[in-house]
Amino acid sequence: MQQTGDYITKEKRNALEVELEDLKGPKRKEILKALAYAKSLGDLSENAEYHQAREDQGKLEGRILKIEQILQSSETVKGGGGELIEVGSRVNVQKEGVLVEKTYTIVGSEEADMANGKISNHSPFGEALLGKKKGESISFQTPNGIVNYKIINVS
């Protein structure tokens, strides 16, 4: 059971929708005002305010397109809860030779944030976990060699 598509959680989808609404509304209007003001200053060839506003407008439109693409192409997952590890599952694992357990959530690549315990389903660690159950052991290749983990719990 490989889940290799693009996934986002419901929370991430909601956050992106809120951001998109803000970018298309107030932020777009703010940049249009800045452009109008910069144009009123005259000579556009040497107008730093105009060039900055155009650059900001390009970044804004790029972000809008990226969010729209993510929302269109990503499947929303509710979370795990089953016995098998899938996108949305919370997994407690223990690295071989280490006594401390760590908890990770399997997420789509758009949400991956290792510092906050969110690992991508496309990462070697995420791919090794997908489809496994509590009690199983996994191994995967890292730049420092093969790493082994035992799955302590799945929720």
Protein backbone atom coordinates (compact mmCIF):
# COMPACT_ATOMS: atom_id res chain seq x y z
CA MET A 1 0.00 0.00 0.00
CA GLN A 2 2.16 2.84 -1.23
CA GLN A 3 0.72 6.32 -0.86
CA THR A 4 2.87 8.29 -3.22
CA GLY A 5 0.45 11.03 -4.30
CA ASP A 6 0.24 14.57 -3.00
CA TYR A 7 -1.55 14.80 0.34
CA ILE A 8 -2.42 17.54 2.79
CA THR A 9 -4.24 17.43 6.10
CA LYS A 10 -7.56 19.14 6.57
CA GLU A 11 -5.85 21.72 8.81
CA LYS A 12 -3.29 22.54 6.11
CA ARG A 13 -6.03 22.80 3.46
CA ASN A 14 -7.95 25.24 5.67
CA ALA A 15 -4.80 27.30 6.33
CA LEU A 16 -4.02 27.47 2.60
CA GLU A 17 -7.59 28.50 1.78
CA VAL A 18 -7.41 31.32 4.36
CA GLU A 19 -4.04 32.44 3.02
CA LEU A 20 -5.35 32.37 -0.56
CA GLU A 21 -8.36 34.49 0.37
CA ASP A 22 -6.06 37.03 2.06
CA LEU A 23 -3.68 37.13 -0.91
CA LYS A 24 -6.45 37.54 -3.48
CA GLY A 25 -8.22 40.19 -1.40
CA PRO A 26 -6.40 42.62 0.91
CA LYS A 27 -2.84 41.83 -0.19
CA ARG A 28 -3.62 42.21 -3.90
CA LYS A 29 -5.36 45.55 -3.22
CA GLU A 30 -2.40 46.72 -1.15
CA ILE A 31 0.02 46.01 -4.00
CA LEU A 32 -2.24 47.69 -6.55
CA LYS A 33 -2.28 50.82 -4.36
CA ALA A 34 1.52 50.72 -4.11
CA LEU A 35 1.76 50.41 -7.91
CA ALA A 36 -0.62 53.32 -8.46
CA TYR A 37 1.36 55.49 -6.03
CA ALA A 38 4.67 54.54 -7.64
CA LYS A 39 3.31 55.36 -11.11
CA SER A 40 2.22 58.77 -9.86
CA LEU A 41 5.83 59.59 -9.01
CA GLY A 42 6.67 59.70 -12.72
CA ASP A 43 9.65 58.35 -14.70
CA LEU A 44 9.19 54.58 -14.29
CA SER A 45 12.66 53.73 -15.61
CA GLU A 46 14.36 55.01 -12.45
CA ASN A 47 11.49 54.61 -10.01
CA ALA A 48 12.60 52.26 -7.20
CA GLU A 49 9.13 52.22 -5.62
CA TYR A 50 7.59 51.09 -8.90
CA HIS A 51 10.16 48.32 -9.44
CA GLN A 52 9.71 47.11 -5.85
CA ALA A 53 5.91 47.08 -6.21
CA ARG A 54 6.17 45.11 -9.48
CA GLU A 55 8.51 42.61 -7.80
CA ASP A 56 6.09 42.26 -4.87
CA GLN A 57 3.23 41.78 -7.31
CA GLY A 58 5.13 39.00 -9.09
CA LYS A 59 5.83 37.21 -5.80
CA LEU A 60 2.20 37.54 -4.73
CA GLU A 61 0.84 36.17 -8.01
CA GLY A 62 3.38 33.32 -7.88
CA ARG A 63 2.26 32.38 -4.37
CA ILE A 64 -1.40 32.52 -5.42
CA LEU A 65 -0.70 30.15 -8.32
CA LYS A 66 1.27 27.78 -6.09
CA ILE A 67 -1.51 27.60 -3.47
CA GLU A 68 -4.17 27.05 -6.14
CA GLN A 69 -2.08 24.24 -7.65
CA ILE A 70 -1.59 22.60 -4.23
CA LEU A 71 -5.31 22.80 -3.44
CA GLN A 72 -6.26 21.33 -6.83
CA SER A 73 -3.73 18.52 -6.96
CA SER A 74 -3.65 17.39 -3.32
CA GLU A 75 -5.90 14.87 -1.68
CA THR A 76 -7.06 15.75 1.82
CA VAL A 77 -6.40 13.11 4.48
CA LYS A 78 -8.20 12.95 7.80
CA GLY A 79 -5.53 11.16 9.76
CA GLY A 80 -4.57 7.63 10.56
CA GLY A 81 -6.24 5.61 13.23
CA GLY A 82 -6.00 2.20 11.61
CA GLU A 83 -3.50 -0.56 12.23
CA LEU A 84 -1.55 0.13 9.04
CA ILE A 85 0.60 3.23 8.77
CA GLU A 86 -0.70 5.62 6.11
CA VAL A 87 -0.56 9.33 5.39
CA GLY A 88 -2.01 11.02 8.45
CA SER A 89 -0.90 8.31 10.91
CA ARG A 90 0.94 9.21 14.11
CA VAL A 91 3.75 6.73 14.70
CA ASN A 92 5.85 6.12 17.81
CA VAL A 93 9.21 4.65 16.87
CA GLN A 94 12.38 3.70 18.65
CA LYS A 95 15.74 3.83 16.91
CA GLU A 96 17.86 0.73 17.31
CA GLY A 97 20.28 1.22 20.20
CA VAL A 98 18.43 4.24 21.61
CA LEU A 99 16.03 4.07 24.57
CA VAL A 100 14.03 7.19 23.71
CA GLU A 101 10.84 6.89 21.66
CA LYS A 102 9.96 9.57 19.11
CA THR A 103 6.58 10.38 17.63
CA TYR A 104 6.14 11.36 13.99
CA THR A 105 3.16 12.14 11.81
CA ILE A 106 3.22 11.02 8.18
CA VAL A 107 2.19 13.96 5.99
CA GLY A 108 2.38 15.02 2.36
CA SER A 109 5.56 16.72 1.18
CA GLU A 110 3.95 20.17 1.36
CA GLU A 111 3.60 19.88 5.15
CA ALA A 112 6.83 18.08 5.98
CA ASP A 113 8.59 19.66 8.96
CA MET A 114 11.04 17.32 10.69
CA ALA A 115 11.60 19.79 13.55
CA ASN A 116 7.92 19.43 14.43
CA GLY A 117 7.77 15.67 13.90
CA LYS A 118 6.07 15.77 10.48
CA ILE A 119 7.74 13.54 7.92
CA SER A 120 6.91 13.35 4.24
CA ASN A 121 5.42 10.23 2.72
CA HIS A 122 8.03 10.74 -0.04
CA SER A 123 11.03 10.71 2.34
CA PRO A 124 13.01 7.49 2.78
CA PHE A 125 11.80 7.28 6.41
CA GLY A 126 8.17 7.92 5.43
CA GLU A 127 8.30 5.42 2.57
CA ALA A 128 9.78 2.78 4.89
CA LEU A 129 6.94 3.32 7.41
CA LEU A 130 4.01 3.24 4.97
CA GLY A 131 2.01 0.02 5.13
CA LYS A 132 3.75 -1.27 8.26
CA LYS A 133 2.12 -2.19 11.61
CA LYS A 134 2.84 -1.85 15.31
CA GLY A 135 5.68 -4.17 16.37
CA GLU A 136 7.35 -4.34 12.94
CA SER A 137 10.90 -3.19 12.31
CA ILE A 138 11.99 -1.02 9.39
CA SER A 139 15.31 -0.15 7.79
CA PHE A 140 16.18 2.58 5.35
CA GLN A 141 19.24 4.14 3.80
CA THR A 142 20.57 7.51 5.04
CA PRO A 143 23.71 9.39 4.02
CA ASN A 144 25.37 7.88 7.13
CA GLY A 145 24.30 4.32 6.34
CA ILE A 146 21.35 2.06 7.08
CA VAL A 147 19.18 3.01 10.06
CA ASN A 148 16.85 0.60 11.88
CA TYR A 149 13.69 1.49 13.79
CA LYS A 150 11.07 -0.47 15.66
CA ILE A 151 7.43 0.67 15.43
CA ILE A 152 6.11 0.99 19.00
CA ASN A 153 2.62 2.34 18.31
CA VAL A 154 0.37 3.55 15.46
CA SER A 155 -2.58 5.88 15.88
